[in-house]
N, C-alpha and C. Protein backbone atom coordinates (compact mmCIF):
# COMPACT_ATOMS: atom_id res chain seq x y z
N MET A 1 18.24 28.32 -12.77
CA MET A 1 16.90 27.76 -12.64
C MET A 1 16.77 26.48 -13.45
N ARG A 2 17.33 26.46 -14.64
CA ARG A 2 17.25 25.28 -15.52
C ARG A 2 17.94 24.07 -14.86
N ASP A 3 19.09 24.26 -14.25
CA ASP A 3 19.80 23.17 -13.59
C ASP A 3 18.98 22.62 -12.42
N GLU A 4 18.28 23.48 -11.73
CA GLU A 4 17.44 23.04 -10.61
C GLU A 4 16.29 22.17 -11.10
N GLN A 5 15.69 22.55 -12.23
CA GLN A 5 14.60 21.76 -12.79
C GLN A 5 15.09 20.38 -13.25
N VAL A 6 16.23 20.35 -13.88
CA VAL A 6 16.80 19.08 -14.32
C VAL A 6 17.11 18.20 -13.12
N ALA A 7 17.69 18.78 -12.09
CA ALA A 7 18.01 18.01 -10.88
C ALA A 7 16.74 17.51 -10.21
N TRP A 8 15.71 18.36 -10.16
CA TRP A 8 14.44 17.96 -9.54
C TRP A 8 13.80 16.81 -10.32
N ARG A 9 13.79 16.91 -11.65
CA ARG A 9 13.21 15.84 -12.49
C ARG A 9 13.97 14.53 -12.31
N GLU A 10 15.26 14.61 -12.24
CA GLU A 10 16.07 13.40 -12.04
C GLU A 10 15.78 12.78 -10.68
N GLN A 11 15.65 13.63 -9.70
CA GLN A 11 15.32 13.14 -8.34
C GLN A 11 13.95 12.46 -8.34
N GLN A 12 12.98 13.05 -9.02
CA GLN A 12 11.65 12.46 -9.11
C GLN A 12 11.67 11.14 -9.87
N ARG A 13 12.44 11.09 -10.95
CA ARG A 13 12.57 9.86 -11.74
C ARG A 13 13.15 8.74 -10.89
N GLN A 14 14.15 9.06 -10.10
CA GLN A 14 14.78 8.05 -9.24
C GLN A 14 13.81 7.60 -8.14
N ALA A 15 13.03 8.53 -7.61
CA ALA A 15 12.06 8.18 -6.57
C ALA A 15 10.98 7.25 -7.14
N VAL A 16 10.50 7.54 -8.33
CA VAL A 16 9.49 6.69 -8.98
C VAL A 16 10.08 5.31 -9.27
N ALA A 17 11.28 5.26 -9.78
CA ALA A 17 11.94 3.98 -10.06
C ALA A 17 12.13 3.17 -8.77
N GLY A 18 12.48 3.84 -7.69
CA GLY A 18 12.65 3.16 -6.41
C GLY A 18 11.34 2.59 -5.89
N ARG A 19 10.25 3.36 -6.02
CA ARG A 19 8.93 2.86 -5.59
C ARG A 19 8.49 1.69 -6.45
N ALA A 20 8.74 1.77 -7.75
CA ALA A 20 8.37 0.67 -8.66
C ALA A 20 9.15 -0.60 -8.33
N ALA A 21 10.42 -0.46 -8.04
CA ALA A 21 11.24 -1.62 -7.67
C ALA A 21 10.77 -2.24 -6.36
N ALA A 22 10.41 -1.40 -5.40
CA ALA A 22 9.93 -1.90 -4.12
C ALA A 22 8.59 -2.62 -4.29
N LEU A 23 7.71 -2.07 -5.12
CA LEU A 23 6.42 -2.70 -5.38
C LEU A 23 6.61 -4.06 -6.06
N GLU A 24 7.51 -4.12 -7.02
CA GLU A 24 7.78 -5.38 -7.71
C GLU A 24 8.36 -6.41 -6.74
N ALA A 25 9.23 -6.00 -5.87
CA ALA A 25 9.80 -6.91 -4.87
C ALA A 25 8.71 -7.44 -3.94
N ASP A 26 7.79 -6.56 -3.53
CA ASP A 26 6.67 -6.98 -2.67
C ASP A 26 5.78 -7.98 -3.39
N ARG A 27 5.48 -7.71 -4.66
CA ARG A 27 4.62 -8.62 -5.42
C ARG A 27 5.30 -9.97 -5.66
N ALA A 28 6.59 -9.95 -5.89
CA ALA A 28 7.33 -11.21 -6.08
C ALA A 28 7.31 -12.04 -4.79
N ALA A 29 7.50 -11.38 -3.66
CA ALA A 29 7.46 -12.09 -2.37
C ALA A 29 6.06 -12.64 -2.12
N GLU A 30 5.03 -11.86 -2.43
CA GLU A 30 3.66 -12.32 -2.28
C GLU A 30 3.39 -13.52 -3.18
N ALA A 31 3.88 -13.49 -4.40
CA ALA A 31 3.69 -14.60 -5.34
C ALA A 31 4.37 -15.87 -4.84
N ARG A 32 5.54 -15.73 -4.22
CA ARG A 32 6.23 -16.91 -3.67
C ARG A 32 5.41 -17.52 -2.53
N GLN A 33 4.85 -16.69 -1.67
CA GLN A 33 4.02 -17.19 -0.57
C GLN A 33 2.77 -17.87 -1.11
N ALA A 34 2.13 -17.25 -2.10
CA ALA A 34 0.93 -17.82 -2.70
C ALA A 34 1.25 -19.13 -3.41
N ALA A 35 2.40 -19.20 -4.08
CA ALA A 35 2.80 -20.43 -4.77
C ALA A 35 2.99 -21.57 -3.76
N ALA A 36 3.51 -21.26 -2.59
CA ALA A 36 3.67 -22.29 -1.55
C ALA A 36 2.29 -22.79 -1.10
N LEU A 37 1.32 -21.90 -0.98
CA LEU A 37 -0.04 -22.32 -0.62
C LEU A 37 -0.63 -23.22 -1.70
N LEU A 38 -0.41 -22.86 -2.96
CA LEU A 38 -0.93 -23.66 -4.07
C LEU A 38 -0.29 -25.04 -4.11
N ASP A 39 1.02 -25.11 -3.90
CA ASP A 39 1.70 -26.40 -3.86
C ASP A 39 1.16 -27.26 -2.72
N GLY A 40 0.92 -26.65 -1.58
CA GLY A 40 0.35 -27.38 -0.44
C GLY A 40 -1.04 -27.89 -0.75
N PHE A 41 -1.82 -27.07 -1.46
CA PHE A 41 -3.16 -27.50 -1.85
C PHE A 41 -3.10 -28.72 -2.76
N VAL A 42 -2.24 -28.70 -3.76
CA VAL A 42 -2.13 -29.83 -4.69
C VAL A 42 -1.77 -31.11 -3.92
N GLN A 43 -0.86 -30.98 -2.99
CA GLN A 43 -0.44 -32.13 -2.20
C GLN A 43 -1.60 -32.65 -1.33
N ARG A 44 -2.29 -31.75 -0.66
CA ARG A 44 -3.40 -32.17 0.20
C ARG A 44 -4.57 -32.72 -0.61
N ALA A 45 -4.81 -32.15 -1.80
CA ALA A 45 -5.88 -32.67 -2.66
C ALA A 45 -5.57 -34.11 -3.06
N ALA A 46 -4.32 -34.38 -3.40
CA ALA A 46 -3.93 -35.74 -3.76
C ALA A 46 -4.08 -36.68 -2.57
N GLU A 47 -3.71 -36.22 -1.38
CA GLU A 47 -3.85 -37.05 -0.17
C GLU A 47 -5.31 -37.38 0.12
N ARG A 48 -6.21 -36.46 -0.21
CA ARG A 48 -7.64 -36.66 0.06
C ARG A 48 -8.34 -37.38 -1.10
N GLY A 49 -7.61 -37.70 -2.14
CA GLY A 49 -8.20 -38.41 -3.27
C GLY A 49 -9.03 -37.54 -4.19
N LEU A 50 -8.78 -36.22 -4.18
CA LEU A 50 -9.49 -35.32 -5.09
C LEU A 50 -8.75 -35.30 -6.43
N ASP A 51 -9.31 -35.97 -7.39
CA ASP A 51 -8.65 -36.05 -8.69
C ASP A 51 -8.84 -34.76 -9.47
N PRO A 52 -7.79 -34.30 -10.14
CA PRO A 52 -7.95 -33.12 -11.01
C PRO A 52 -8.76 -33.51 -12.24
N HIS A 53 -9.39 -32.54 -12.84
CA HIS A 53 -10.13 -32.80 -14.07
C HIS A 53 -9.82 -31.71 -15.08
N SER A 54 -10.21 -31.93 -16.31
CA SER A 54 -9.96 -30.96 -17.37
C SER A 54 -10.69 -29.67 -17.06
N LEU A 55 -9.97 -28.57 -17.22
CA LEU A 55 -10.55 -27.26 -16.94
C LEU A 55 -11.07 -26.63 -18.22
N ASN A 56 -12.12 -25.85 -18.08
CA ASN A 56 -12.66 -25.08 -19.20
C ASN A 56 -12.42 -23.60 -18.93
N ALA A 57 -12.30 -22.85 -19.99
CA ALA A 57 -12.13 -21.40 -19.89
C ALA A 57 -13.30 -20.72 -20.59
N ARG A 58 -13.70 -19.60 -20.06
CA ARG A 58 -14.80 -18.83 -20.63
C ARG A 58 -14.26 -17.60 -21.35
N THR A 59 -14.95 -17.18 -22.39
CA THR A 59 -14.53 -15.96 -23.08
C THR A 59 -14.78 -14.76 -22.17
N LEU A 60 -14.12 -13.67 -22.49
CA LEU A 60 -14.23 -12.46 -21.68
C LEU A 60 -15.67 -11.98 -21.58
N ASP A 61 -16.45 -12.18 -22.65
CA ASP A 61 -17.84 -11.74 -22.63
C ASP A 61 -18.77 -12.79 -22.02
N GLY A 62 -18.24 -13.97 -21.69
CA GLY A 62 -19.01 -15.02 -21.05
C GLY A 62 -19.92 -15.81 -21.97
N ARG A 63 -19.85 -15.58 -23.27
CA ARG A 63 -20.76 -16.24 -24.20
C ARG A 63 -20.33 -17.65 -24.60
N SER A 64 -19.04 -17.90 -24.59
CA SER A 64 -18.55 -19.21 -25.04
C SER A 64 -17.63 -19.82 -23.99
N THR A 65 -17.59 -21.14 -24.01
CA THR A 65 -16.70 -21.89 -23.13
C THR A 65 -15.85 -22.79 -24.00
N TYR A 66 -14.55 -22.82 -23.69
CA TYR A 66 -13.61 -23.64 -24.45
C TYR A 66 -12.94 -24.64 -23.52
N SER A 67 -12.66 -25.80 -24.07
CA SER A 67 -11.85 -26.74 -23.31
C SER A 67 -10.41 -26.23 -23.28
N THR A 68 -9.63 -26.73 -22.34
CA THR A 68 -8.21 -26.37 -22.27
C THR A 68 -7.41 -27.67 -22.13
N HIS A 69 -6.12 -27.55 -22.17
CA HIS A 69 -5.24 -28.70 -21.99
C HIS A 69 -4.70 -28.76 -20.56
N VAL A 70 -5.32 -28.00 -19.66
CA VAL A 70 -4.89 -27.93 -18.27
C VAL A 70 -5.84 -28.77 -17.42
N ARG A 71 -5.25 -29.51 -16.51
CA ARG A 71 -6.03 -30.28 -15.54
C ARG A 71 -5.83 -29.65 -14.16
N GLY A 72 -6.88 -29.65 -13.37
CA GLY A 72 -6.76 -29.06 -12.04
C GLY A 72 -8.08 -29.01 -11.33
N TRP A 73 -8.20 -28.04 -10.43
CA TRP A 73 -9.38 -27.88 -9.59
C TRP A 73 -9.86 -26.42 -9.67
N TYR A 74 -11.16 -26.25 -9.88
CA TYR A 74 -11.74 -24.91 -9.82
C TYR A 74 -11.74 -24.44 -8.38
N LEU A 75 -11.46 -23.16 -8.17
CA LEU A 75 -11.44 -22.63 -6.81
C LEU A 75 -12.68 -21.81 -6.48
N ARG A 76 -13.31 -21.27 -7.47
CA ARG A 76 -14.55 -20.51 -7.26
C ARG A 76 -15.70 -21.27 -7.91
N SER A 77 -16.87 -21.13 -7.35
CA SER A 77 -18.03 -21.84 -7.89
C SER A 77 -18.39 -21.36 -9.29
N ASP A 78 -18.01 -20.13 -9.65
CA ASP A 78 -18.29 -19.65 -11.01
C ASP A 78 -17.24 -20.13 -12.02
N ARG A 79 -16.28 -20.92 -11.54
CA ARG A 79 -15.24 -21.54 -12.37
C ARG A 79 -14.38 -20.51 -13.10
N SER A 80 -14.12 -19.39 -12.44
CA SER A 80 -13.33 -18.32 -13.05
C SER A 80 -11.84 -18.43 -12.74
N ILE A 81 -11.49 -19.15 -11.69
CA ILE A 81 -10.08 -19.35 -11.36
C ILE A 81 -9.87 -20.80 -10.93
N ALA A 82 -8.64 -21.25 -11.08
CA ALA A 82 -8.34 -22.64 -10.74
C ALA A 82 -6.88 -22.77 -10.39
N VAL A 83 -6.58 -23.91 -9.78
CA VAL A 83 -5.18 -24.30 -9.56
C VAL A 83 -4.97 -25.55 -10.40
N GLY A 84 -3.91 -25.55 -11.18
CA GLY A 84 -3.61 -26.70 -12.01
C GLY A 84 -2.94 -27.79 -11.21
N ASP A 85 -2.95 -29.00 -11.76
CA ASP A 85 -2.28 -30.10 -11.06
C ASP A 85 -0.77 -29.89 -11.03
N ASP A 86 -0.30 -28.89 -11.77
CA ASP A 86 1.12 -28.50 -11.74
C ASP A 86 1.40 -27.46 -10.65
N GLY A 87 0.36 -27.07 -9.88
CA GLY A 87 0.52 -26.09 -8.82
C GLY A 87 0.47 -24.65 -9.29
N GLU A 88 0.15 -24.44 -10.55
CA GLU A 88 0.07 -23.08 -11.09
C GLU A 88 -1.34 -22.52 -10.89
N TYR A 89 -1.43 -21.20 -10.90
CA TYR A 89 -2.67 -20.47 -10.69
C TYR A 89 -3.18 -20.00 -12.05
N TYR A 90 -4.44 -20.28 -12.36
CA TYR A 90 -4.99 -19.94 -13.66
C TYR A 90 -6.24 -19.09 -13.52
N ILE A 91 -6.28 -18.01 -14.29
CA ILE A 91 -7.50 -17.22 -14.44
C ILE A 91 -8.13 -17.71 -15.73
N LEU A 92 -9.35 -18.19 -15.63
CA LEU A 92 -9.96 -18.93 -16.72
C LEU A 92 -10.84 -18.07 -17.63
N THR A 93 -10.31 -16.95 -18.05
CA THR A 93 -10.97 -16.13 -19.06
C THR A 93 -9.99 -15.93 -20.21
N VAL A 94 -10.53 -16.05 -21.40
CA VAL A 94 -9.71 -15.95 -22.61
C VAL A 94 -10.45 -15.13 -23.66
N PRO A 95 -9.74 -14.57 -24.62
CA PRO A 95 -10.43 -13.87 -25.70
C PRO A 95 -11.13 -14.87 -26.62
N PRO A 96 -12.20 -14.45 -27.27
CA PRO A 96 -12.88 -15.35 -28.21
C PRO A 96 -11.92 -15.75 -29.34
N SER A 97 -12.06 -17.00 -29.79
CA SER A 97 -11.16 -17.49 -30.82
C SER A 97 -11.80 -18.64 -31.56
N LEU A 98 -11.78 -18.57 -32.87
CA LEU A 98 -12.29 -19.67 -33.68
C LEU A 98 -11.43 -20.90 -33.49
N ARG A 99 -10.12 -20.70 -33.44
CA ARG A 99 -9.20 -21.81 -33.25
C ARG A 99 -9.47 -22.51 -31.91
N ALA A 100 -9.70 -21.73 -30.84
CA ALA A 100 -9.94 -22.31 -29.52
C ALA A 100 -11.24 -23.11 -29.50
N ARG A 101 -12.19 -22.74 -30.33
CA ARG A 101 -13.46 -23.46 -30.38
C ARG A 101 -13.23 -24.92 -30.79
N PHE A 102 -12.24 -25.13 -31.67
CA PHE A 102 -11.99 -26.48 -32.17
C PHE A 102 -10.79 -27.17 -31.52
N ALA A 103 -9.76 -26.41 -31.19
CA ALA A 103 -8.52 -27.01 -30.66
C ALA A 103 -8.35 -26.82 -29.16
N GLY A 104 -9.21 -26.04 -28.55
CA GLY A 104 -9.08 -25.75 -27.12
C GLY A 104 -8.31 -24.46 -26.90
N ALA A 105 -8.58 -23.82 -25.80
CA ALA A 105 -7.94 -22.55 -25.46
C ALA A 105 -6.58 -22.80 -24.82
N ASP A 106 -5.65 -21.95 -25.13
CA ASP A 106 -4.34 -22.00 -24.50
C ASP A 106 -4.38 -21.15 -23.24
N LEU A 107 -3.94 -21.72 -22.14
CA LEU A 107 -3.89 -21.00 -20.88
C LEU A 107 -2.45 -20.82 -20.46
N SER A 108 -2.16 -19.67 -19.91
CA SER A 108 -0.86 -19.41 -19.30
C SER A 108 -1.10 -19.16 -17.82
N PRO A 109 -0.21 -19.65 -16.98
CA PRO A 109 -0.38 -19.39 -15.55
C PRO A 109 -0.29 -17.89 -15.26
N SER A 110 -1.01 -17.48 -14.24
CA SER A 110 -0.97 -16.09 -13.77
C SER A 110 -0.19 -16.03 -12.47
N ARG A 111 0.29 -14.85 -12.15
CA ARG A 111 0.98 -14.65 -10.88
C ARG A 111 -0.05 -14.67 -9.77
N PRO A 112 0.09 -15.62 -8.84
CA PRO A 112 -0.90 -15.70 -7.77
C PRO A 112 -0.74 -14.58 -6.75
N ARG A 113 -1.84 -14.25 -6.10
CA ARG A 113 -1.83 -13.24 -5.04
C ARG A 113 -2.38 -13.88 -3.78
N LEU A 114 -2.03 -13.34 -2.66
CA LEU A 114 -2.51 -13.87 -1.38
C LEU A 114 -3.97 -13.54 -1.13
N VAL A 115 -4.47 -12.50 -1.81
CA VAL A 115 -5.88 -12.15 -1.71
C VAL A 115 -6.44 -12.17 -3.13
N VAL A 116 -7.35 -13.11 -3.38
CA VAL A 116 -7.96 -13.25 -4.69
C VAL A 116 -9.00 -12.15 -4.86
N GLY A 117 -8.90 -11.42 -5.95
CA GLY A 117 -9.83 -10.34 -6.22
C GLY A 117 -9.41 -9.00 -5.64
N ALA A 118 -8.24 -8.94 -5.04
CA ALA A 118 -7.77 -7.67 -4.47
C ALA A 118 -7.52 -6.68 -5.59
N GLY A 119 -8.05 -5.49 -5.43
CA GLY A 119 -7.84 -4.45 -6.42
C GLY A 119 -8.79 -4.53 -7.59
N GLY A 120 -9.61 -5.54 -7.65
CA GLY A 120 -10.56 -5.68 -8.74
C GLY A 120 -11.91 -5.13 -8.34
N GLY A 121 -12.74 -4.90 -9.32
CA GLY A 121 -14.06 -4.37 -9.05
C GLY A 121 -15.14 -5.44 -8.95
N ASP A 122 -14.79 -6.69 -9.26
CA ASP A 122 -15.79 -7.75 -9.28
C ASP A 122 -15.75 -8.57 -8.00
N GLY A 123 -16.90 -8.80 -7.43
CA GLY A 123 -17.00 -9.69 -6.29
C GLY A 123 -16.27 -9.21 -5.06
N GLN A 124 -16.19 -10.10 -4.11
CA GLN A 124 -15.54 -9.80 -2.85
C GLN A 124 -14.14 -10.39 -2.83
N PRO A 125 -13.16 -9.62 -2.39
CA PRO A 125 -11.82 -10.20 -2.22
C PRO A 125 -11.86 -11.27 -1.13
N ILE A 126 -11.07 -12.31 -1.32
CA ILE A 126 -11.01 -13.39 -0.34
C ILE A 126 -9.57 -13.88 -0.25
N PRO A 127 -9.10 -14.15 0.95
CA PRO A 127 -7.73 -14.68 1.08
C PRO A 127 -7.60 -16.02 0.34
N LEU A 128 -6.51 -16.19 -0.37
CA LEU A 128 -6.26 -17.41 -1.12
C LEU A 128 -6.32 -18.63 -0.22
N LYS A 129 -5.74 -18.54 0.96
CA LYS A 129 -5.74 -19.68 1.89
C LYS A 129 -7.16 -20.11 2.22
N GLU A 130 -8.03 -19.16 2.47
CA GLU A 130 -9.42 -19.47 2.78
C GLU A 130 -10.11 -20.14 1.59
N LEU A 131 -9.86 -19.65 0.41
CA LEU A 131 -10.45 -20.22 -0.80
C LEU A 131 -9.97 -21.66 -1.01
N LEU A 132 -8.68 -21.90 -0.80
CA LEU A 132 -8.13 -23.25 -0.93
C LEU A 132 -8.71 -24.19 0.13
N ASP A 133 -8.82 -23.70 1.35
CA ASP A 133 -9.39 -24.52 2.43
C ASP A 133 -10.85 -24.88 2.14
N ARG A 134 -11.62 -23.92 1.66
CA ARG A 134 -13.02 -24.18 1.31
C ARG A 134 -13.12 -25.26 0.25
N ARG A 135 -12.23 -25.16 -0.73
CA ARG A 135 -12.26 -26.15 -1.83
C ARG A 135 -11.93 -27.54 -1.31
N LEU A 136 -10.94 -27.64 -0.44
CA LEU A 136 -10.60 -28.94 0.13
C LEU A 136 -11.74 -29.50 0.97
N GLU A 137 -12.36 -28.65 1.77
CA GLU A 137 -13.45 -29.09 2.63
C GLU A 137 -14.65 -29.57 1.82
N ALA A 138 -14.87 -28.98 0.65
CA ALA A 138 -16.01 -29.37 -0.19
C ALA A 138 -15.82 -30.75 -0.79
N GLY A 139 -14.59 -31.19 -0.90
CA GLY A 139 -14.32 -32.51 -1.46
C GLY A 139 -14.81 -32.64 -2.89
N THR A 140 -15.51 -33.72 -3.17
CA THR A 140 -16.00 -33.97 -4.54
C THR A 140 -17.32 -33.26 -4.82
N ARG A 141 -17.90 -32.59 -3.83
CA ARG A 141 -19.18 -31.91 -4.01
C ARG A 141 -19.04 -30.52 -4.59
N TRP A 142 -17.91 -30.18 -5.12
CA TRP A 142 -17.69 -28.83 -5.65
C TRP A 142 -18.43 -28.66 -6.96
N PRO A 143 -19.03 -27.48 -7.18
CA PRO A 143 -19.79 -27.26 -8.43
C PRO A 143 -18.93 -27.43 -9.67
């Protein structure tokens, strides 16, 4: 009986590891597709004369806004996500920081997804392509 339990646990461990590897491979492929969309957006924005500007980040509680050293375009009107002029995807929320108040917040790129807001509880999920197209169509009139 003990050998059967050990074999069963090992089989379950391998099945979980296999599912995790498959999920990671799917997410990596999705990120590559999303990165291609972001690169295309940066190129089209430059062709249309949409200049990038300095991005600001908001604290997680929404009480403070910090400047950042990243230039790019906001993708949502609430300025919660953006694409940098480097083609990277940024989520513009940061923890509160005294240092960031004076020196600016440090941003790291996030792994882009093909559907913005997928799996989250806030707002409506929207395809990244649609969000990028809306931003381009708005031109300089973006909030």
